Amino acid sequence: MRILIVSLALLSSACGWINFGRAVPDEELRARADVRSYYDEMAQAFASGNAEALARLFDPAIAKPMTREKILAWGQDFFGRHGPARFKIERVEFERLGLQNAIVTLTYRVETRDGEGSFAATERDELVKRGRRWYVTGWEAVAAPAAAP
């Protein structure tokens, strides 16, 4: 009997974050999967240490907070000093999601082999879909929530 009660408690707590109040349209599920695949491409660019592949993930007209050329230069410098790295997504939140654009709050870590170039951040990405590909058109840092006392 005790096992049954514990099992029911665990099952009900695991479903606490699911919103059963609204049906999620297939288009939204596909858009979420497409945006997540964009971040998989980001992870591949970091894993291969390919600055050009990394820069291609950003819109050619990006200017906020840096241009595509500056992103390429940053990538060449970063991979030149630290080599390939691991891009690990910790959390993805969709603030706004449409068929052609999205605003995503992303929490991630980049881990280098030497450990010296490793960093973590939370940022708000603005994405646009052109053709079949998603591109970041701008991003900004998001302050991490303060720890509870």
Protein backbone atom coordinates (compact mmCIF):
# COMPACT_ATOMS: atom_id res chain seq x y z
CA MET A 1 0.00 0.00 0.00
CA ARG A 2 2.82 2.39 0.88
CA ILE A 3 4.45 1.79 -2.51
CA LEU A 4 1.18 2.63 -4.26
CA ILE A 5 0.88 5.95 -2.41
CA VAL A 6 4.51 6.88 -3.11
CA SER A 7 4.09 5.94 -6.78
CA LEU A 8 0.98 8.08 -7.13
CA ALA A 9 2.71 11.01 -5.44
CA LEU A 10 5.69 10.73 -7.78
CA LEU A 11 3.50 10.49 -10.87
CA SER A 12 1.40 13.48 -9.90
CA SER A 13 4.47 15.60 -9.11
CA ALA A 14 6.08 14.74 -12.45
CA CYS A 15 3.05 16.04 -14.34
CA GLY A 16 2.95 19.34 -12.51
CA TRP A 17 4.58 21.34 -15.31
CA ILE A 18 2.38 20.09 -18.14
CA ASN A 19 -0.39 22.45 -19.20
CA PHE A 20 -3.36 20.26 -20.02
CA GLY A 21 -5.54 23.34 -20.53
CA ARG A 22 -4.54 23.97 -24.12
CA ALA A 23 -3.86 21.74 -27.06
CA VAL A 24 -0.49 22.33 -28.69
CA PRO A 25 -0.91 22.63 -32.48
CA ASP A 26 1.30 20.53 -34.74
CA GLU A 27 2.76 23.71 -36.25
CA GLU A 28 3.96 24.84 -32.83
CA LEU A 29 5.51 21.46 -32.10
CA ARG A 30 7.33 21.56 -35.45
CA ALA A 31 8.52 25.13 -34.84
CA ARG A 32 9.84 24.17 -31.38
CA ALA A 33 11.66 21.19 -32.88
CA ASP A 34 13.12 23.38 -35.65
CA VAL A 35 14.42 25.95 -33.16
CA ARG A 36 15.90 23.20 -30.99
CA SER A 37 17.63 21.78 -34.09
CA TYR A 38 19.16 25.23 -34.61
CA TYR A 39 20.81 24.91 -31.19
CA ASP A 40 21.94 21.38 -32.13
CA GLU A 41 23.76 22.97 -35.08
CA MET A 42 25.32 25.43 -32.62
CA ALA A 43 26.57 22.49 -30.56
CA GLN A 44 28.03 20.87 -33.70
CA ALA A 45 29.87 24.08 -34.61
CA PHE A 46 31.42 24.25 -31.14
CA ALA A 47 32.24 20.52 -31.13
CA SER A 48 34.04 20.80 -34.47
CA GLY A 49 35.78 24.06 -33.55
CA ASN A 50 34.50 25.56 -36.80
CA ALA A 51 34.25 29.36 -36.54
CA GLU A 52 32.76 29.67 -40.04
CA ALA A 53 29.97 27.19 -39.24
CA LEU A 54 29.31 29.12 -36.04
CA ALA A 55 29.11 32.47 -37.85
CA ARG A 56 26.76 31.04 -40.51
CA LEU A 57 24.18 30.39 -37.77
CA PHE A 58 23.72 34.14 -37.36
CA ASP A 59 21.79 36.43 -39.68
CA PRO A 60 24.08 38.20 -42.19
CA ALA A 61 22.60 41.56 -41.10
CA ILE A 62 23.03 40.94 -37.35
CA ALA A 63 24.32 43.98 -35.50
CA LYS A 64 23.18 43.47 -31.89
CA PRO A 65 25.39 42.91 -29.93
CA MET A 66 27.95 42.25 -32.69
CA THR A 67 28.12 41.77 -36.44
CA ARG A 68 28.56 38.45 -38.19
CA GLU A 69 32.16 39.39 -39.02
CA LYS A 70 32.88 40.01 -35.32
CA ILE A 71 31.25 36.68 -34.46
CA LEU A 72 33.55 34.99 -36.99
CA ALA A 73 36.60 36.75 -35.52
CA TRP A 74 35.53 35.80 -31.99
CA GLY A 75 35.09 32.17 -33.06
CA GLN A 76 38.50 32.04 -34.76
CA ASP A 77 40.15 33.49 -31.67
CA PHE A 78 38.20 31.26 -29.26
CA PHE A 79 38.79 28.00 -31.16
CA GLY A 80 42.39 29.00 -31.89
CA ARG A 81 43.11 29.37 -28.17
CA HIS A 82 40.94 26.59 -26.74
CA GLY A 83 40.14 24.19 -29.56
CA PRO A 84 36.76 22.50 -29.97
CA ALA A 85 34.34 22.87 -27.09
CA ARG A 86 31.15 21.37 -25.72
CA PHE A 87 28.00 23.52 -26.02
CA LYS A 88 25.51 22.23 -23.45
CA ILE A 89 21.96 23.56 -23.26
CA GLU A 90 20.64 23.65 -19.73
CA ARG A 91 17.28 25.31 -20.35
CA VAL A 92 15.20 26.61 -23.26
CA GLU A 93 12.13 28.79 -22.73
CA PHE A 94 10.01 30.01 -25.63
CA GLU A 95 8.82 33.54 -24.87
CA ARG A 96 7.26 33.93 -28.30
CA LEU A 97 7.05 31.40 -31.10
CA GLY A 98 5.68 31.83 -34.57
CA LEU A 99 6.19 30.06 -37.86
CA GLN A 100 8.78 32.64 -38.99
CA ASN A 101 10.19 34.13 -35.77
CA ALA A 102 10.87 33.28 -32.15
CA ILE A 103 12.18 34.79 -28.96
CA VAL A 104 13.94 32.25 -26.78
CA THR A 105 15.55 32.50 -23.37
CA LEU A 106 18.47 30.11 -23.41
CA THR A 107 20.64 28.99 -20.50
CA TYR A 108 23.79 27.19 -21.62
CA ARG A 109 27.37 26.25 -20.80
CA VAL A 110 30.41 26.08 -23.05
CA GLU A 111 33.10 23.75 -21.75
CA THR A 112 36.59 23.77 -23.25
CA ARG A 113 39.12 20.98 -22.92
CA ASP A 114 41.60 23.25 -21.17
CA GLY A 115 38.89 24.65 -18.88
CA GLU A 116 40.27 28.17 -19.27
CA GLY A 117 37.79 29.25 -21.94
CA SER A 118 34.71 27.69 -20.32
CA PHE A 119 31.76 29.96 -19.64
CA ALA A 120 28.04 29.88 -18.94
CA ALA A 121 25.29 32.37 -19.70
CA THR A 122 21.59 33.04 -19.95
CA GLU A 123 20.55 35.08 -22.96
CA ARG A 124 17.47 36.11 -24.89
CA ASP A 125 17.80 35.18 -28.55
CA GLU A 126 15.73 36.68 -31.35
CA LEU A 127 15.44 34.22 -34.23
CA VAL A 128 14.00 34.46 -37.71
CA LYS A 129 13.32 31.70 -40.22
CA ARG A 130 14.40 32.30 -43.80
CA GLY A 131 13.58 29.49 -46.15
CA ARG A 132 14.16 26.32 -44.15
CA ARG A 133 16.81 27.72 -41.78
CA TRP A 134 16.65 29.64 -38.52
CA TYR A 135 19.10 32.45 -37.78
CA VAL A 136 19.75 34.56 -34.70
CA THR A 137 19.13 38.21 -35.53
CA GLY A 138 20.15 39.51 -32.11
CA TRP A 139 20.68 38.52 -28.51
CA GLU A 140 21.08 40.08 -25.11
CA ALA A 141 22.30 38.84 -21.77
CA VAL A 142 19.67 38.04 -19.17
CA ALA A 143 20.57 38.47 -15.52
CA ALA A 144 20.49 35.21 -13.62
CA PRO A 145 17.96 35.13 -10.79
CA ALA A 146 19.45 35.86 -7.38
CA ALA A 147 19.89 32.90 -5.07
CA ALA A 148 17.48 32.65 -2.17
CA PRO A 149 18.95 33.68 1.20
